[in-house]
Structure formats: C-alpha cells, structure tokens
Amino acid sequence: MKFLADMGISMKTVLWLRSQKLDVVHLREEHLQRMPDSEIMVKAQTEGRIILTMDLDFSQLVAASHGTLPSLISFRLSVEFSDLQDRSYASLGLEPKQLMVLHYEPFHDQERVSA
C-alpha cells in the first residue's frame, strides 16, 4: 500500500509507518505544504496513494465525488460531529454515521507501540 500524508499528520507517524515497511510520502518532504486539497487529491490518485489526513474537508471531497477520488483515511481526535459538520454532510445528502472515521489516540506507552 502507498500513502500520502497531509500536513496534519506528524512526521513521527510517517516514520513509524515506514518502519512497518509501508510506502509513505509526506507533503512537507516534497515542499508541497501549500498545495490545495483538490490538487492533493489529484496527486494521490495519479500516484495510486491513499491520503492520510486529519482534515475533514477531504472526507467531503471524496463523498461528493461518489467514489471517483482516491481512498482516504481520516484521523480524528474525537468521533463527535459538530452541528456545522452535521449540516455540511447533510448538504451532500449524507448522515455522519455513513462516513468511516477512525478514532486516533497517540501511543505514549512504548510497550503498546511495539505490540
């Protein structure tokens, strides 16, 4: 699997994924910090990469594309949706529960990281 890490994903996460033998590129490494989301989507699709992000805008772009855009893994510190997010997804004809959101909590315990 090949991944493209958005700016919200830490380099520590990228390095850990690489230690697991995964092909991961971070936008920062390619000096693309200011690349618009729409161009990031094109880059990921062209390179056959799954986008790793903490930005909910990508989820909306993918949902609105009806499956024509690349895959996405959205890391959130919470799975709760705000009223604004609920309205935003509703404008796309979606319910928040229709979206897969991963609950991410950073590991602080070395034993858990290597398990």
PDB file of N, CA and C in Angstrom:
ATOM      1  N   MET A   1       0.832  -1.177   0.000  1.00  0.00           N
ATOM      2  CA  MET A   1       0.000   0.000   0.000  1.00  0.00           C
ATOM      3  C   MET A   1       0.875   1.238   0.000  1.00  0.00           C
ATOM      4  N   LYS A   2       0.395   2.267  -0.679  1.00  0.00           N
ATOM      5  CA  LYS A   2       1.104   3.532  -0.758  1.00  0.00           C
ATOM      6  C   LYS A   2       0.240   4.640  -0.155  1.00  0.00           C
ATOM      7  N   PHE A   3       0.869   5.503   0.638  1.00  0.00           N
ATOM      8  CA  PHE A   3       0.145   6.549   1.341  1.00  0.00           C
ATOM      9  C   PHE A   3       0.736   7.922   1.050  1.00  0.00           C
ATOM     10  N   LEU A   4      -0.124   8.942   1.119  1.00  0.00           N
ATOM     11  CA  LEU A   4       0.278  10.335   1.020  1.00  0.00           C
ATOM     12  C   LEU A   4      -0.203  11.029   2.290  1.00  0.00           C
ATOM     13  N   ALA A   5       0.744  11.493   3.109  1.00  0.00           N
ATOM     14  CA  ALA A   5       0.399  12.126   4.385  1.00  0.00           C
ATOM     15  C   ALA A   5       0.204  13.625   4.200  1.00  0.00           C
ATOM     16  N   ASP A   6      -0.945  14.106   4.616  1.00  0.00           N
ATOM     17  CA  ASP A   6      -1.283  15.519   4.577  1.00  0.00           C
ATOM     18  C   ASP A   6      -0.530  16.237   5.703  1.00  0.00           C
ATOM     19  N   MET A   7      -0.575  17.563   5.687  1.00  0.00           N
ATOM     20  CA  MET A   7       0.190  18.368   6.629  1.00  0.00           C
ATOM     21  C   MET A   7      -0.164  18.112   8.098  1.00  0.00           C
ATOM     22  N   GLY A   8      -1.368  17.696   8.403  1.00  0.00           N
ATOM     23  CA  GLY A   8      -1.758  17.452   9.789  1.00  0.00           C
ATOM     24  C   GLY A   8      -1.192  16.172  10.378  1.00  0.00           C
ATOM     25  N   ILE A   9      -0.620  15.328   9.549  1.00  0.00           N
ATOM     26  CA  ILE A   9      -0.045  14.058  10.015  1.00  0.00           C
ATOM     27  C   ILE A   9       1.410  14.308  10.395  1.00  0.00           C
ATOM     28  N   SER A  10       1.783  13.899  11.594  1.00  0.00           N
ATOM     29  CA  SER A  10       3.145  14.172  12.077  1.00  0.00           C
ATOM     30  C   SER A  10       4.178  13.309  11.353  1.00  0.00           C
ATOM     31  N   MET A  11       5.396  13.827  11.299  1.00  0.00           N
ATOM     32  CA  MET A  11       6.498  13.056  10.711  1.00  0.00           C
ATOM     33  C   MET A  11       6.792  11.825  11.556  1.00  0.00           C
ATOM     34  N   LYS A  12       6.513  11.869  12.873  1.00  0.00           N
ATOM     35  CA  LYS A  12       6.701  10.681  13.707  1.00  0.00           C
ATOM     36  C   LYS A  12       5.802   9.547  13.216  1.00  0.00           C
ATOM     37  N   THR A  13       4.577   9.888  12.842  1.00  0.00           N
ATOM     38  CA  THR A  13       3.653   8.881  12.320  1.00  0.00           C
ATOM     39  C   THR A  13       4.171   8.330  11.004  1.00  0.00           C
ATOM     40  N   VAL A  14       4.651   9.211  10.138  1.00  0.00           N
ATOM     41  CA  VAL A  14       5.196   8.788   8.842  1.00  0.00           C
ATOM     42  C   VAL A  14       6.388   7.852   9.049  1.00  0.00           C
ATOM     43  N   LEU A  15       7.282   8.226   9.942  1.00  0.00           N
ATOM     44  CA  LEU A  15       8.462   7.385  10.201  1.00  0.00           C
ATOM     45  C   LEU A  15       8.063   6.033  10.772  1.00  0.00           C
ATOM     46  N   TRP A  16       7.055   6.022  11.649  1.00  0.00           N
ATOM     47  CA  TRP A  16       6.607   4.744  12.205  1.00  0.00           C
ATOM     48  C   TRP A  16       6.008   3.859  11.106  1.00  0.00           C
ATOM     49  N   LEU A  17       5.192   4.451  10.239  1.00  0.00           N
ATOM     50  CA  LEU A  17       4.610   3.674   9.142  1.00  0.00           C
ATOM     51  C   LEU A  17       5.706   3.109   8.236  1.00  0.00           C
ATOM     52  N   ARG A  18       6.722   3.905   7.987  1.00  0.00           N
ATOM     53  CA  ARG A  18       7.854   3.418   7.175  1.00  0.00           C
ATOM     54  C   ARG A  18       8.578   2.275   7.869  1.00  0.00           C
ATOM     55  N   SER A  19       8.686   2.342   9.192  1.00  0.00           N
ATOM     56  CA  SER A  19       9.336   1.249   9.930  1.00  0.00           C
ATOM     57  C   SER A  19       8.552  -0.052   9.805  1.00  0.00           C
ATOM     58  N   GLN A  20       7.272   0.079   9.434  1.00  0.00           N
ATOM     59  CA  GLN A  20       6.416  -1.091   9.218  1.00  0.00           C
ATOM     60  C   GLN A  20       6.437  -1.518   7.748  1.00  0.00           C
ATOM     61  N   LYS A  21       7.396  -0.959   6.997  1.00  0.00           N
ATOM     62  CA  LYS A  21       7.625  -1.286   5.578  1.00  0.00           C
ATOM     63  C   LYS A  21       6.527  -0.761   4.659  1.00  0.00           C
ATOM     64  N   LEU A  22       5.881   0.336   5.029  1.00  0.00           N
ATOM     65  CA  LEU A  22       4.859   0.951   4.183  1.00  0.00           C
ATOM     66  C   LEU A  22       5.473   2.112   3.414  1.00  0.00           C
ATOM     67  N   ASP A  23       4.992   2.317   2.205  1.00  0.00           N
ATOM     68  CA  ASP A  23       5.454   3.387   1.325  1.00  0.00           C
ATOM     69  C   ASP A  23       4.652   4.642   1.642  1.00  0.00           C
ATOM     70  N   VAL A  24       5.279   5.598   2.340  1.00  0.00           N
ATOM     71  CA  VAL A  24       4.594   6.808   2.780  1.00  0.00           C
ATOM     72  C   VAL A  24       5.398   8.033   2.341  1.00  0.00           C
ATOM     73  N   VAL A  25       4.699   8.977   1.722  1.00  0.00           N
ATOM     74  CA  VAL A  25       5.285  10.257   1.345  1.00  0.00           C
ATOM     75  C   VAL A  25       4.529  11.342   2.103  1.00  0.00           C
ATOM     76  N   HIS A  26       5.262  12.290   2.678  1.00  0.00           N
ATOM     77  CA  HIS A  26       4.633  13.417   3.367  1.00  0.00           C
ATOM     78  C   HIS A  26       4.742  14.642   2.472  1.00  0.00           C
ATOM     79  N   LEU A  27       3.667  15.431   2.403  1.00  0.00           N
ATOM     80  CA  LEU A  27       3.675  16.642   1.577  1.00  0.00           C
ATOM     81  C   LEU A  27       4.846  17.556   1.922  1.00  0.00           C
ATOM     82  N   ARG A  28       5.195  17.640   3.196  1.00  0.00           N
ATOM     83  CA  ARG A  28       6.297  18.503   3.633  1.00  0.00           C
ATOM     84  C   ARG A  28       7.611  18.081   2.978  1.00  0.00           C
ATOM     85  N   GLU A  29       7.832  16.789   2.838  1.00  0.00           N
ATOM     86  CA  GLU A  29       9.079  16.289   2.250  1.00  0.00           C
ATOM     87  C   GLU A  29       9.228  16.714   0.783  1.00  0.00           C
ATOM     88  N   GLU A  30       8.112  16.925   0.130  1.00  0.00           N
ATOM     89  CA  GLU A  30       8.131  17.316  -1.282  1.00  0.00           C
ATOM     90  C   GLU A  30       7.898  18.818  -1.447  1.00  0.00           C
ATOM     91  N   HIS A  31       7.970  19.556  -0.334  1.00  0.00           N
ATOM     92  CA  HIS A  31       7.801  21.017  -0.333  1.00  0.00           C
ATOM     93  C   HIS A  31       6.444  21.427  -0.920  1.00  0.00           C
ATOM     94  N   LEU A  32       5.409  20.685  -0.550  1.00  0.00           N
ATOM     95  CA  LEU A  32       4.056  20.933  -1.061  1.00  0.00           C
ATOM     96  C   LEU A  32       3.113  21.354   0.066  1.00  0.00           C
ATOM     97  N   GLN A  33       3.638  22.048   1.058  1.00  0.00           N
ATOM     98  CA  GLN A  33       2.844  22.443   2.221  1.00  0.00           C
ATOM     99  C   GLN A  33       1.614  23.256   1.852  1.00  0.00           C
ATOM    100  N   ARG A  34       1.667  24.014   0.815  1.00  0.00           N
ATOM    101  CA  ARG A  34       0.563  24.912   0.466  1.00  0.00           C
ATOM    102  C   ARG A  34      -0.289  24.394  -0.691  1.00  0.00           C
ATOM    103  N   MET A  35      -0.122  23.138  -1.034  1.00  0.00           N
ATOM    104  CA  MET A  35      -0.895  22.566  -2.131  1.00  0.00           C
ATOM    105  C   MET A  35      -2.376  22.506  -1.760  1.00  0.00           C
ATOM    106  N   PRO A  36      -3.258  23.012  -2.616  1.00  0.00           N
ATOM    107  CA  PRO A  36      -4.702  22.950  -2.335  1.00  0.00           C
ATOM    108  C   PRO A  36      -5.197  21.498  -2.251  1.00  0.00           C
ATOM    109  N   ASP A  37      -6.247  21.304  -1.461  1.00  0.00           N
ATOM    110  CA  ASP A  37      -6.800  19.955  -1.270  1.00  0.00           C
ATOM    111  C   ASP A  37      -7.124  19.283  -2.597  1.00  0.00           C
ATOM    112  N   SER A  38      -7.691  20.022  -3.532  1.00  0.00           N
ATOM    113  CA  SER A  38      -8.075  19.420  -4.811  1.00  0.00           C
ATOM    114  C   SER A  38      -6.853  18.888  -5.563  1.00  0.00           C
ATOM    115  N   GLU A  39      -5.725  19.588  -5.463  1.00  0.00           N
ATOM    116  CA  GLU A  39      -4.504  19.125  -6.127  1.00  0.00           C
ATOM    117  C   GLU A  39      -3.876  17.951  -5.379  1.00  0.00           C
ATOM    118  N   ILE A  40      -4.031  17.933  -4.067  1.00  0.00           N
ATOM    119  CA  ILE A  40      -3.554  16.787  -3.281  1.00  0.00           C
ATOM    120  C   ILE A  40      -4.318  15.537  -3.707  1.00  0.00           C
ATOM    121  N   MET A  41      -5.623  15.692  -3.917  1.00  0.00           N
ATOM    122  CA  MET A  41      -6.446  14.553  -4.356  1.00  0.00           C
ATOM    123  C   MET A  41      -5.945  14.031  -5.710  1.00  0.00           C
ATOM    124  N   VAL A  42      -5.632  14.936  -6.637  1.00  0.00           N
ATOM    125  CA  VAL A  42      -5.140  14.535  -7.960  1.00  0.00           C
ATOM    126  C   VAL A  42      -3.791  13.835  -7.826  1.00  0.00           C
ATOM    127  N   LYS A  43      -2.907  14.386  -6.997  1.00  0.00           N
ATOM    128  CA  LYS A  43      -1.589  13.771  -6.774  1.00  0.00           C
ATOM    129  C   LYS A  43      -1.738  12.350  -6.234  1.00  0.00           C
ATOM    130  N   ALA A  44      -2.599  12.179  -5.235  1.00  0.00           N
ATOM    131  CA  ALA A  44      -2.806  10.851  -4.643  1.00  0.00           C
ATOM    132  C   ALA A  44      -3.347   9.875  -5.688  1.00  0.00           C
ATOM    133  N   GLN A  45      -4.298  10.325  -6.471  1.00  0.00           N
ATOM    134  CA  GLN A  45      -4.884   9.443  -7.470  1.00  0.00           C
ATOM    135  C   GLN A  45      -3.856   9.085  -8.538  1.00  0.00           C
ATOM    136  N   THR A  46      -3.109  10.058  -8.999  1.00  0.00           N
ATOM    137  CA  THR A  46      -2.087   9.823 -10.027  1.00  0.00           C
ATOM    138  C   THR A  46      -1.029   8.835  -9.557  1.00  0.00           C
ATOM    139  N   GLU A  47      -0.638   8.953  -8.277  1.00  0.00           N
ATOM    140  CA  GLU A  47       0.411   8.097  -7.723  1.00  0.00           C
ATOM    141  C   GLU A  47      -0.124   6.808  -7.105  1.00  0.00           C
ATOM    142  N   GLY A  48      -1.446   6.642  -7.102  1.00  0.00           N
ATOM    143  CA  GLY A  48      -2.042   5.441  -6.506  1.00  0.00           C
ATOM    144  C   GLY A  48      -1.858   5.381  -5.002  1.00  0.00           C
ATOM    145  N   ARG A  49      -1.983   6.533  -4.340  1.00  0.00           N
ATOM    146  CA  ARG A  49      -1.776   6.605  -2.893  1.00  0.00           C
ATOM    147  C   ARG A  49      -3.085   6.847  -2.151  1.00  0.00           C
ATOM    148  N   ILE A  50      -3.149   6.367  -0.928  1.00  0.00           N
ATOM    149  CA  ILE A  50      -4.255   6.621  -0.013  1.00  0.00           C
ATOM    150  C   ILE A  50      -3.868   7.836   0.815  1.00  0.00           C
ATOM    151  N   ILE A  51      -4.773   8.806   0.917  1.00  0.00           N
ATOM    152  CA  ILE A  51      -4.480  10.020   1.671  1.00  0.00           C
ATOM    153  C   ILE A  51      -4.679   9.775   3.167  1.00  0.00           C
ATOM    154  N   LEU A  52      -3.685  10.181   3.952  1.00  0.00           N
ATOM    155  CA  LEU A  52      -3.777  10.172   5.415  1.00  0.00           C
ATOM    156  C   LEU A  52      -3.956  11.624   5.842  1.00  0.00           C
ATOM    157  N   THR A  53      -5.017  11.923   6.567  1.00  0.00           N
ATOM    158  CA  THR A  53      -5.301  13.307   6.907  1.00  0.00           C
ATOM    159  C   THR A  53      -6.039  13.428   8.227  1.00  0.00           C
ATOM    160  N   MET A  54      -6.041  14.642   8.756  1.00  0.00           N
ATOM    161  CA  MET A  54      -6.869  14.984   9.905  1.00  0.00           C
ATOM    162  C   MET A  54      -7.881  16.049   9.492  1.00  0.00           C
ATOM    163  N   ASP A  55      -7.920  16.355   8.217  1.00  0.00           N
ATOM    164  CA  ASP A  55      -8.739  17.427   7.658  1.00  0.00           C
ATOM    165  C   ASP A  55     -10.054  16.854   7.117  1.00  0.00           C
ATOM    166  N   LEU A  56     -11.170  17.250   7.706  1.00  0.00           N
ATOM    167  CA  LEU A  56     -12.467  16.730   7.266  1.00  0.00           C
ATOM    168  C   LEU A  56     -12.875  17.198   5.878  1.00  0.00           C
ATOM    169  N   ASP A  57     -12.221  18.234   5.366  1.00  0.00           N
ATOM    170  CA  ASP A  57     -12.535  18.684   4.009  1.00  0.00           C
ATOM    171  C   ASP A  57     -12.326  17.567   2.987  1.00  0.00           C
ATOM    172  N   PHE A  58     -11.320  16.728   3.208  1.00  0.00           N
ATOM    173  CA  PHE A  58     -11.070  15.629   2.281  1.00  0.00           C
ATOM    174  C   PHE A  58     -12.234  14.648   2.266  1.00  0.00           C
ATOM    175  N   SER A  59     -12.794  14.375   3.434  1.00  0.00           N
ATOM    176  CA  SER A  59     -13.943  13.458   3.503  1.00  0.00           C
ATOM    177  C   SER A  59     -15.100  13.990   2.678  1.00  0.00           C
ATOM    178  N   GLN A  60     -15.311  15.291   2.735  1.00  0.00           N
ATOM    179  CA  GLN A  60     -16.390  15.901   1.950  1.00  0.00           C
ATOM    180  C   GLN A  60     -16.103  15.802   0.453  1.00  0.00           C
ATOM    181  N   LEU A  61     -14.850  16.029   0.056  1.00  0.00           N
ATOM    182  CA  LEU A  61     -14.488  15.916  -1.365  1.00  0.00           C
ATOM    183  C   LEU A  61     -14.703  14.502  -1.886  1.00  0.00           C
ATOM    184  N   VAL A  62     -14.290  13.513  -1.107  1.00  0.00           N
ATOM    185  CA  VAL A  62     -14.452  12.119  -1.520  1.00  0.00           C
ATOM    186  C   VAL A  62     -15.933  11.764  -1.588  1.00  0.00           C
ATOM    187  N   ALA A  63     -16.692  12.168  -0.575  1.00  0.00           N
ATOM    188  CA  ALA A  63     -18.133  11.859  -0.567  1.00  0.00           C
ATOM    189  C   ALA A  63     -18.826  12.507  -1.762  1.00  0.00           C
ATOM    190  N   ALA A  64     -18.479  13.745  -2.057  1.00  0.00           N
ATOM    191  CA  ALA A  64     -19.112  14.461  -3.175  1.00  0.00           C
ATOM    192  C   ALA A  64     -18.723  13.876  -4.527  1.00  0.00           C
ATOM    193  N   SER A  65     -17.599  13.174  -4.591  1.00  0.00           N
ATOM    194  CA  SER A  65     -17.135  12.611  -5.871  1.00  0.00           C
ATOM    195  C   SER A  65     -17.830  11.295  -6.214  1.00  0.00           C
ATOM    196  N   HIS A  66     -18.584  10.737  -5.261  1.00  0.00           N
ATOM    197  CA  HIS A  66     -19.265   9.447  -5.454  1.00  0.00           C
ATOM    198  C   HIS A  66     -18.283   8.351  -5.865  1.00  0.00           C
ATOM    199  N   GLY A  67     -17.124   8.356  -5.208  1.00  0.00           N
ATOM    200  CA  GLY A  67     -16.168   7.273  -5.405  1.00  0.00           C
ATOM    201  C   GLY A  67     -15.183   7.465  -6.534  1.00  0.00           C
ATOM    202  N   THR A  68     -15.134   8.635  -7.146  1.00  0.00           N
ATOM    203  CA  THR A  68     -14.189   8.828  -8.247  1.00  0.00           C
ATOM    204  C   THR A  68     -12.839   9.365  -7.782  1.00  0.00           C
ATOM    205  N   LEU A  69     -12.735   9.731  -6.507  1.00  0.00           N
ATOM    206  CA  LEU A  69     -11.476  10.244  -5.977  1.00  0.00           C
ATOM    207  C   LEU A  69     -10.767   9.157  -5.179  1.00  0.00           C
ATOM    208  N   PRO A  70      -9.493   9.375  -4.832  1.00  0.00           N
ATOM    209  CA  PRO A  70      -8.720   8.337  -4.142  1.00  0.00           C
ATOM    210  C   PRO A  70      -9.261   8.021  -2.755  1.00  0.00           C
ATOM    211  N   SER A  71      -8.786   6.889  -2.216  1.00  0.00           N
ATOM    212  CA  SER A  71      -9.182   6.483  -0.873  1.00  0.00           C
ATOM    213  C   SER A  71      -8.577   7.423   0.163  1.00  0.00           C
ATOM    214  N   LEU A  72      -9.160   7.365   1.338  1.00  0.00           N
ATOM    215  CA  LEU A  72      -8.815   8.326   2.371  1.00  0.00           C
ATOM    216  C   LEU A  72      -8.903   7.661   3.737  1.00  0.00           C
ATOM    217  N   ILE A  73      -7.935   7.953   4.588  1.00  0.00           N
ATOM    218  CA  ILE A  73      -8.022   7.580   5.996  1.00  0.00           C
ATOM    219  C   ILE A  73      -7.981   8.885   6.768  1.00  0.00           C
ATOM    220  N   SER A  74      -9.055   9.164   7.483  1.00  0.00           N
ATOM    221  CA  SER A  74      -9.183  10.415   8.218  1.00  0.00           C
ATOM    222  C   SER A  74      -8.998  10.136   9.699  1.00  0.00           C
ATOM    223  N   PHE A  75      -7.942  10.683  10.265  1.00  0.00           N
ATOM    224  CA  PHE A  75      -7.665  10.537  11.691  1.00  0.00           C
ATOM    225  C   PHE A  75      -8.330  11.682  12.425  1.00  0.00           C
ATOM    226  N   ARG A  76      -9.087  11.366  13.462  1.00  0.00           N
ATOM    227  CA  ARG A  76      -9.742  12.400  14.269  1.00  0.00           C
ATOM    228  C   ARG A  76      -9.414  12.134  15.728  1.00  0.00           C
ATOM    229  N   LEU A  77      -9.290  13.197  16.477  1.00  0.00           N
ATOM    230  CA  LEU A  77      -9.053  13.057  17.914  1.00  0.00           C
ATOM    231  C   LEU A  77     -10.344  12.768  18.649  1.00  0.00           C
ATOM    232  N   SER A  78     -11.463  12.937  17.950  1.00  0.00           N
ATOM    233  CA  SER A  78     -12.772  12.676  18.519  1.00  0.00           C
ATOM    234  C   SER A  78     -13.691  12.236  17.400  1.00  0.00           C
ATOM    235  N   VAL A  79     -14.655  11.380  17.716  1.00  0.00           N
ATOM    236  CA  VAL A  79     -15.593  10.938  16.694  1.00  0.00           C
ATOM    237  C   VAL A  79     -16.899  11.714  16.747  1.00  0.00           C
ATOM    238  N   GLU A  80     -16.944  12.719  17.589  1.00  0.00           N
ATOM    239  CA  GLU A  80     -18.164  13.524  17.676  1.00  0.00           C
ATOM    240  C   GLU A  80     -18.198  14.545  16.542  1.00  0.00           C
ATOM    241  N   PHE A  81     -19.371  14.788  16.019  1.00  0.00           N
ATOM    242  CA  PHE A  81     -19.538  15.764  14.953  1.00  0.00           C
ATOM    243  C   PHE A  81     -20.183  17.019  15.515  1.00  0.00           C
ATOM    244  N   SER A  82     -19.688  18.159  15.070  1.00  0.00           N
ATOM    245  CA  SER A  82     -20.297  19.416  15.474  1.00  0.00           C
ATOM    246  C   SER A  82     -21.557  19.641  14.645  1.00  0.00           C
ATOM    247  N   ASP A  83     -22.377  20.603  15.063  1.00  0.00           N
ATOM    248  CA  ASP A  83     -23.567  20.952  14.284  1.00  0.00           C
ATOM    249  C   ASP A  83     -23.183  21.410  12.885  1.00  0.00           C
ATOM    250  N   LEU A  84     -22.086  22.161  12.779  1.00  0.00           N
ATOM    251  CA  LEU A  84     -21.630  22.637  11.473  1.00  0.00           C
ATOM    252  C   LEU A  84     -21.252  21.467  10.574  1.00  0.00           C
ATOM    253  N   GLN A  85     -20.534  20.478  11.111  1.00  0.00           N
ATOM    254  CA  GLN A  85     -20.171  19.303  10.322  1.00  0.00           C
ATOM    255  C   GLN A  85     -21.418  18.530   9.920  1.00  0.00           C
ATOM    256  N   ASP A  86     -22.372  18.392  10.851  1.00  0.00           N
ATOM    257  CA  ASP A  86     -23.610  17.683  10.531  1.00  0.00           C
ATOM    258  C   ASP A  86     -24.321  18.348   9.358  1.00  0.00           C
ATOM    259  N   ARG A  87     -24.430  19.669   9.386  1.00  0.00           N
ATOM    260  CA  ARG A  87     -25.093  20.406   8.291  1.00  0.00           C
ATOM    261  C   ARG A  87     -24.309  20.273   6.990  1.00  0.00           C
ATOM    262  N   SER A  88     -22.991  20.283   7.103  1.00  0.00           N
ATOM    263  CA  SER A  88     -22.140  20.181   5.916  1.00  0.00           C
ATOM    264  C   SER A  88     -22.340  18.826   5.240  1.00  0.00           C
ATOM    265  N   TYR A  89     -22.340  17.753   6.005  1.00  0.00           N
ATOM    266  CA  TYR A  89     -22.561  16.430   5.432  1.00  0.00           C
ATOM    267  C   TYR A  89     -23.990  16.287   4.925  1.00  0.00           C
ATOM    268  N   ALA A  90     -24.934  16.878   5.637  1.00  0.00           N
ATOM    269  CA  ALA A  90     -26.334  16.821   5.197  1.00  0.00           C
ATOM    270  C   ALA A  90     -26.495  17.502   3.841  1.00  0.00           C
ATOM    271  N   SER A  91     -25.718  18.561   3.588  1.00  0.00           N
ATOM    272  CA  SER A  91     -25.806  19.238   2.290  1.00  0.00           C
ATOM    273  C   SER A  91     -25.361  18.325   1.149  1.00  0.00           C
ATOM    274  N   LEU A  92     -24.581  17.281   1.473  1.00  0.00           N
ATOM    275  CA  LEU A  92     -24.167  16.294   0.481  1.00  0.00           C
ATOM    276  C   LEU A  92     -25.129  15.103   0.433  1.00  0.00           C
ATOM    277  N   GLY A  93     -26.173  15.151   1.252  1.00  0.00           N
ATOM    278  CA  GLY A  93     -27.123  14.044   1.304  1.00  0.00           C
ATOM    279  C   GLY A  93     -26.618  12.878   2.129  1.00  0.00           C
ATOM    280  N   LEU A  94     -25.698  13.137   3.059  1.00  0.00           N
ATOM    281  CA  LEU A  94     -25.115  12.074   3.881  1.00  0.00           C
ATOM    282  C   LEU A  94     -25.426  12.293   5.350  1.00  0.00           C
ATOM    283  N   GLU A  95     -25.453  11.224   6.075  1.00  0.00           N
ATOM    284  CA  GLU A  95     -25.529  11.268   7.531  1.00  0.00           C
ATOM    285  C   GLU A  95     -24.113  11.021   8.040  1.00  0.00           C
ATOM    286  N   PRO A  96     -23.691  11.683   9.125  1.00  0.00           N
ATOM    287  CA  PRO A  96     -22.343  11.451   9.643  1.00  0.00           C
ATOM    288  C   PRO A  96     -22.037   9.977   9.882  1.00  0.00           C
ATOM    289  N   LYS A  97     -23.020   9.200  10.266  1.00  0.00           N
ATOM    290  CA  LYS A  97     -22.765   7.783  10.544  1.00  0.00           C
ATOM    291  C   LYS A  97     -22.437   7.001   9.275  1.00  0.00           C
ATOM    292  N   GLN A  98     -22.663   7.580   8.086  1.00  0.00           N
ATOM    293  CA  GLN A  98     -22.324   6.902   6.844  1.00  0.00           C
ATOM    294  C   GLN A  98     -20.833   7.003   6.525  1.00  0.00           C
ATOM    295  N   LEU A  99     -20.117   7.848   7.247  1.00  0.00           N
ATOM    296  CA  LEU A  99     -18.704   8.046   6.996  1.00  0.00           C
ATOM    297  C   LEU A  99     -17.887   7.256   7.994  1.00  0.00           C
ATOM    298  N   MET A 100     -16.820   6.651   7.525  1.00  0.00           N
ATOM    299  CA  MET A 100     -15.937   5.921   8.420  1.00  0.00           C
ATOM    300  C   MET A 100     -14.905   6.898   8.963  1.00  0.00           C
ATOM    301  N   VAL A 101     -14.907   7.095  10.252  1.00  0.00           N
ATOM    302  CA  VAL A 101     -13.944   7.979  10.892  1.00  0.00           C
ATOM    303  C   VAL A 101     -13.179   7.146  11.902  1.00  0.00           C
ATOM    304  N   LEU A 102     -11.875   7.149  11.804  1.00  0.00           N
ATOM    305  CA  LEU A 102     -11.049   6.406  12.733  1.00  0.00           C
ATOM    306  C   LEU A 102     -10.782   7.243  13.968  1.00  0.00           C
ATOM    307  N   HIS A 103     -10.870   6.621  15.121  1.00  0.00           N
ATOM    308  CA  HIS A 103     -10.543   7.304  16.369  1.00  0.00           C
ATOM    309  C   HIS A 103      -9.060   7.073  16.622  1.00  0.00           C
ATOM    310  N   TYR A 104      -8.283   8.130  16.664  1.00  0.00           N
ATOM    311  CA  TYR A 104      -6.836   8.037  16.799  1.00  0.00           C
ATOM    312  C   TYR A 104      -6.404   8.604  18.133  1.00  0.00           C
ATOM    313  N   GLU A 105      -5.655   7.831  18.873  1.00  0.00           N
ATOM    314  CA  GLU A 105      -5.058   8.309  20.110  1.00  0.00           C
ATOM    315  C   GLU A 105      -3.582   7.975  20.048  1.00  0.00           C
ATOM    316  N   PRO A 106      -2.710   8.968  20.178  1.00  0.00           N
ATOM    317  CA  PRO A 106      -1.270   8.679  20.107  1.00  0.00           C
ATOM    318  C   PRO A 106      -0.839   7.770  21.245  1.00  0.00           C
ATOM    319  N   PHE A 107       0.109   6.887  20.939  1.00  0.00           N
ATOM    320  CA  PHE A 107       0.646   5.990  21.959  1.00  0.00           C
ATOM    321  C   PHE A 107       1.686   6.721  22.782  1.00  0.00           C
ATOM    322  N   HIS A 108       1.613   6.548  24.080  1.00  0.00           N
ATOM    323  CA  HIS A 108       2.618   7.124  24.957  1.00  0.00           C
ATOM    324  C   HIS A 108       3.401   6.014  25.654  1.00  0.00           C
ATOM    325  N   ASP A 109       2.899   4.814  25.587  1.00  0.00           N
ATOM    326  CA  ASP A 109       3.492   3.674  26.259  1.00  0.00           C
ATOM    327  C   ASP A 109       4.299   2.874  25.240  1.00  0.00           C
ATOM    328  N   GLN A 110       5.630   2.805  25.398  1.00  0.00           N
ATOM    329  CA  GLN A 110       6.500   2.117  24.447  1.00  0.00           C
ATOM    330  C   GLN A 110       6.083   0.664  24.250  1.00  0.00           C
ATOM    331  N   GLU A 111       5.606   0.010  25.296  1.00  0.00           N
ATOM    332  CA  GLU A 111       5.205  -1.385  25.199  1.00  0.00           C
ATOM    333  C   GLU A 111       4.024  -1.541  24.248  1.00  0.00           C
ATOM    334  N   ARG A 112       3.080  -0.600  24.270  1.00  0.00           N
ATOM    335  CA  ARG A 112       1.906  -0.647  23.382  1.00  0.00           C
ATOM    336  C   ARG A 112       2.311  -0.403  21.929  1.00  0.00           C
ATOM    337  N   VAL A 113       3.326   0.452  21.714  1.00  0.00           N
ATOM    338  CA  VAL A 113       3.752   0.773  20.347  1.00  0.00           C
ATOM    339  C   VAL A 113       4.330  -0.452  19.668  1.00  0.00           C
ATOM    340  N   SER A 114       5.135  -1.222  20.388  1.00  0.00           N
ATOM    341  CA  SER A 114       5.773  -2.371  19.773  1.00  0.00           C
ATOM    342  C   SER A 114       4.899  -3.619  19.769  1.00  0.00           C
ATOM    343  N   ALA A 115       3.749  -3.568  20.418  1.00  0.00           N
ATOM    344  CA  ALA A 115       2.857  -4.744  20.470  1.00  0.00           C
ATOM    345  C   ALA A 115       2.115  -4.929  19.175  1.00  0.00           C
TER     346      ALA A 115
END
